[in-house]
Amino acid sequence: MAIISSYPTITPTSSDLVLVVDTSEDGNPTKTATIGSVIALASENHKVYVAELNNIGAGAVAPVATVIKNTIGDIVWTRTGVGSYVGTLTGAFTEDKTFLSGQGYSVSTLVGGTGNWPNAQSLNSNNADTVSLSNFALNLTAGDNLADNVGMFIEIRVYS
């Protein structure tokens, strides 16, 4: 019997091989598979879009997406009003199978107000073609207000 700790440790690449057992076969079911194919199999049940959205200091413009990972497709972000944004990609967001998550990191100065207020975002899957983002400045003395100056990380998962 081999002593596993006696083998050298490496940082694997996607083309390295691993041993697998093919349970559909009698006789010698031992096979090899690439690490990349195992990863693809494990993640095939959903597509993902992870990006930083930012228009801090830019005012009334759509946020710029710095994409970190994207297997969904090229989402186009537009500004539809103060603190309101829409991501569009035709047919990409399957109804009842789209998950949205965001983490904001910016603050806003309210129009006509003083001080900086933390932001919070609301994310919604509208239909198969669009997702929406609302950015609120959490003004604890005058109520929450939609505000530009969004800075956040977003993750969208679409399950099959």
Protein backbone atom coordinates (compact mmCIF):
# COMPACT_ATOMS: atom_id res chain seq x y z
CA MET A 1 0.00 0.00 0.00
CA ALA A 2 1.32 3.47 -0.90
CA ILE A 3 1.91 6.08 1.77
CA ILE A 4 0.19 9.18 0.38
CA SER A 5 2.34 11.62 2.36
CA SER A 6 5.48 10.25 0.69
CA TYR A 7 4.47 11.76 -2.68
CA PRO A 8 5.57 15.32 -3.51
CA THR A 9 3.00 18.12 -3.19
CA ILE A 10 2.32 20.23 -6.29
CA THR A 11 0.03 23.04 -7.36
CA PRO A 12 -2.19 21.31 -9.91
CA THR A 13 -3.13 22.76 -13.30
CA SER A 14 -6.37 22.13 -15.18
CA SER A 15 -4.58 19.68 -17.50
CA ASP A 16 -3.26 17.48 -14.67
CA LEU A 17 -4.90 14.07 -14.29
CA VAL A 18 -6.81 12.57 -11.38
CA LEU A 19 -8.01 8.99 -10.91
CA VAL A 20 -11.74 8.35 -11.10
CA VAL A 21 -13.90 5.24 -10.89
CA ASP A 22 -16.41 4.75 -13.71
CA THR A 23 -19.32 3.14 -11.85
CA SER A 24 -21.13 2.33 -15.11
CA GLU A 25 -18.46 -0.21 -16.08
CA ASP A 26 -17.63 -3.69 -14.79
CA GLY A 27 -14.12 -5.09 -14.77
CA ASN A 28 -11.55 -2.30 -14.61
CA PRO A 29 -13.53 0.89 -13.94
CA THR A 30 -10.44 2.95 -13.02
CA LYS A 31 -9.95 5.87 -15.43
CA THR A 32 -8.29 9.28 -15.52
CA ALA A 33 -9.84 12.71 -15.99
CA THR A 34 -8.35 16.17 -16.16
CA ILE A 35 -8.82 18.48 -13.21
CA GLY A 36 -10.36 20.99 -15.65
CA SER A 37 -13.05 18.49 -16.70
CA VAL A 38 -13.90 17.76 -13.04
CA ILE A 39 -14.24 21.50 -12.35
CA ALA A 40 -16.45 21.94 -15.42
CA LEU A 41 -18.69 19.08 -14.30
CA ALA A 42 -18.99 20.49 -10.78
CA SER A 43 -19.98 23.96 -12.02
CA GLU A 44 -22.21 23.05 -14.97
CA ASN A 45 -25.46 23.64 -13.09
CA HIS A 46 -25.12 27.45 -13.16
CA LYS A 47 -23.61 30.40 -14.97
CA VAL A 48 -22.04 33.24 -13.03
CA TYR A 49 -21.27 36.96 -13.40
CA VAL A 50 -19.06 38.59 -10.76
CA ALA A 51 -18.06 42.24 -11.18
CA GLU A 52 -17.28 45.48 -9.42
CA LEU A 53 -19.77 48.20 -10.38
CA ASN A 54 -18.48 51.72 -9.85
CA ASN A 55 -19.44 55.26 -10.81
CA ILE A 56 -18.07 56.96 -7.67
CA GLY A 57 -17.60 60.65 -8.31
CA ALA A 58 -18.94 60.38 -11.87
CA GLY A 59 -22.46 61.58 -11.11
CA ALA A 60 -25.33 60.79 -13.47
CA VAL A 61 -23.74 57.99 -15.49
CA ALA A 62 -24.06 54.22 -15.66
CA PRO A 63 -21.67 52.29 -13.44
CA VAL A 64 -18.57 50.83 -15.07
CA ALA A 65 -18.32 47.06 -14.63
CA THR A 66 -14.91 45.60 -13.91
CA VAL A 67 -15.66 41.94 -14.60
CA ILE A 68 -13.98 39.37 -12.36
CA LYS A 69 -15.69 36.23 -13.74
CA ASN A 70 -18.29 35.90 -16.47
CA THR A 71 -19.89 32.78 -17.91
CA ILE A 72 -23.30 34.45 -18.49
CA GLY A 73 -22.41 36.94 -21.25
CA ASP A 74 -21.79 40.67 -21.64
CA ILE A 75 -24.29 42.52 -19.45
CA VAL A 76 -24.80 46.17 -20.47
CA TRP A 77 -25.36 48.53 -17.52
CA THR A 78 -27.41 51.72 -17.96
CA ARG A 79 -28.60 54.44 -15.59
CA THR A 80 -32.39 54.90 -15.61
CA GLY A 81 -32.61 57.61 -12.95
CA VAL A 82 -30.97 58.80 -9.73
CA GLY A 83 -29.55 55.70 -8.04
CA SER A 84 -31.38 53.37 -10.46
CA TYR A 85 -29.55 51.09 -12.89
CA VAL A 86 -30.46 48.22 -15.20
CA GLY A 87 -28.29 45.37 -16.46
CA THR A 88 -29.47 44.02 -19.82
CA LEU A 89 -28.64 40.79 -21.64
CA THR A 90 -31.36 39.25 -23.79
CA GLY A 91 -32.64 35.91 -22.46
CA ALA A 92 -29.90 35.58 -19.82
CA PHE A 93 -31.88 35.72 -16.56
CA THR A 94 -34.09 32.63 -16.25
CA GLU A 95 -37.25 33.29 -14.23
CA ASP A 96 -37.14 31.76 -10.73
CA LYS A 97 -33.56 30.57 -11.32
CA THR A 98 -31.62 33.85 -11.07
CA PHE A 99 -29.78 34.67 -7.83
CA LEU A 100 -28.45 38.19 -7.17
CA SER A 101 -26.13 39.30 -4.39
CA GLY A 102 -24.25 42.54 -3.80
CA GLN A 103 -21.91 44.16 -1.31
CA GLY A 104 -21.58 47.95 -1.34
CA TYR A 105 -18.50 49.87 -0.23
CA SER A 106 -19.28 53.52 -0.98
CA VAL A 107 -20.85 56.50 0.78
CA SER A 108 -23.01 59.31 -0.61
CA THR A 109 -23.52 62.99 0.08
CA LEU A 110 -27.20 63.78 -0.35
CA VAL A 111 -28.21 66.56 -2.72
CA GLY A 112 -28.80 69.63 -0.56
CA GLY A 113 -27.65 67.70 2.50
CA THR A 114 -24.55 67.51 4.58
CA GLY A 115 -22.38 64.60 5.61
CA ASN A 116 -21.65 61.26 4.07
CA TRP A 117 -24.10 58.41 4.47
CA PRO A 118 -23.54 54.69 3.95
CA ASN A 119 -25.16 53.12 0.90
CA ALA A 120 -27.31 50.01 0.60
CA GLN A 121 -28.40 48.32 -2.59
CA SER A 122 -31.54 46.49 -3.68
CA LEU A 123 -31.14 43.95 -6.50
CA ASN A 124 -34.01 42.43 -8.49
CA SER A 125 -34.42 40.04 -11.38
CA ASN A 126 -37.06 41.77 -13.49
CA ASN A 127 -37.51 39.37 -16.40
CA ALA A 128 -35.45 37.15 -18.71
CA ASP A 129 -33.66 40.18 -20.18
CA THR A 130 -32.92 42.54 -17.27
CA VAL A 131 -31.84 42.85 -13.66
CA SER A 132 -32.20 46.08 -11.69
CA LEU A 133 -30.11 47.76 -9.02
CA SER A 134 -31.24 50.57 -6.74
CA ASN A 135 -28.61 52.41 -4.67
CA PHE A 136 -29.86 54.12 -1.48
CA ALA A 137 -28.05 56.56 0.79
CA LEU A 138 -29.05 55.63 4.34
CA ASN A 139 -29.77 59.08 5.73
CA LEU A 140 -30.76 58.33 9.30
CA THR A 141 -32.25 61.79 9.92
CA ALA A 142 -34.31 62.38 6.76
CA GLY A 143 -35.13 58.90 5.46
CA ASP A 144 -33.49 56.83 2.76
CA ASN A 145 -32.99 58.41 -0.66
CA LEU A 146 -31.92 57.03 -4.00
CA ALA A 147 -28.39 58.22 -4.70
CA ASP A 148 -25.80 57.97 -7.44
CA ASN A 149 -22.20 57.25 -6.43
CA VAL A 150 -22.54 53.48 -6.44
CA GLY A 151 -19.55 51.33 -5.55
CA MET A 152 -20.23 47.64 -5.05
CA PHE A 153 -19.40 44.07 -5.90
CA ILE A 154 -22.19 42.06 -7.54
CA GLU A 155 -22.69 38.37 -8.17
CA ILE A 156 -25.37 36.98 -10.46
CA ARG A 157 -25.95 33.23 -10.75
CA VAL A 158 -28.35 31.69 -13.24
CA TYR A 159 -29.18 28.05 -12.55
CA SER A 160 -30.25 25.59 -15.22
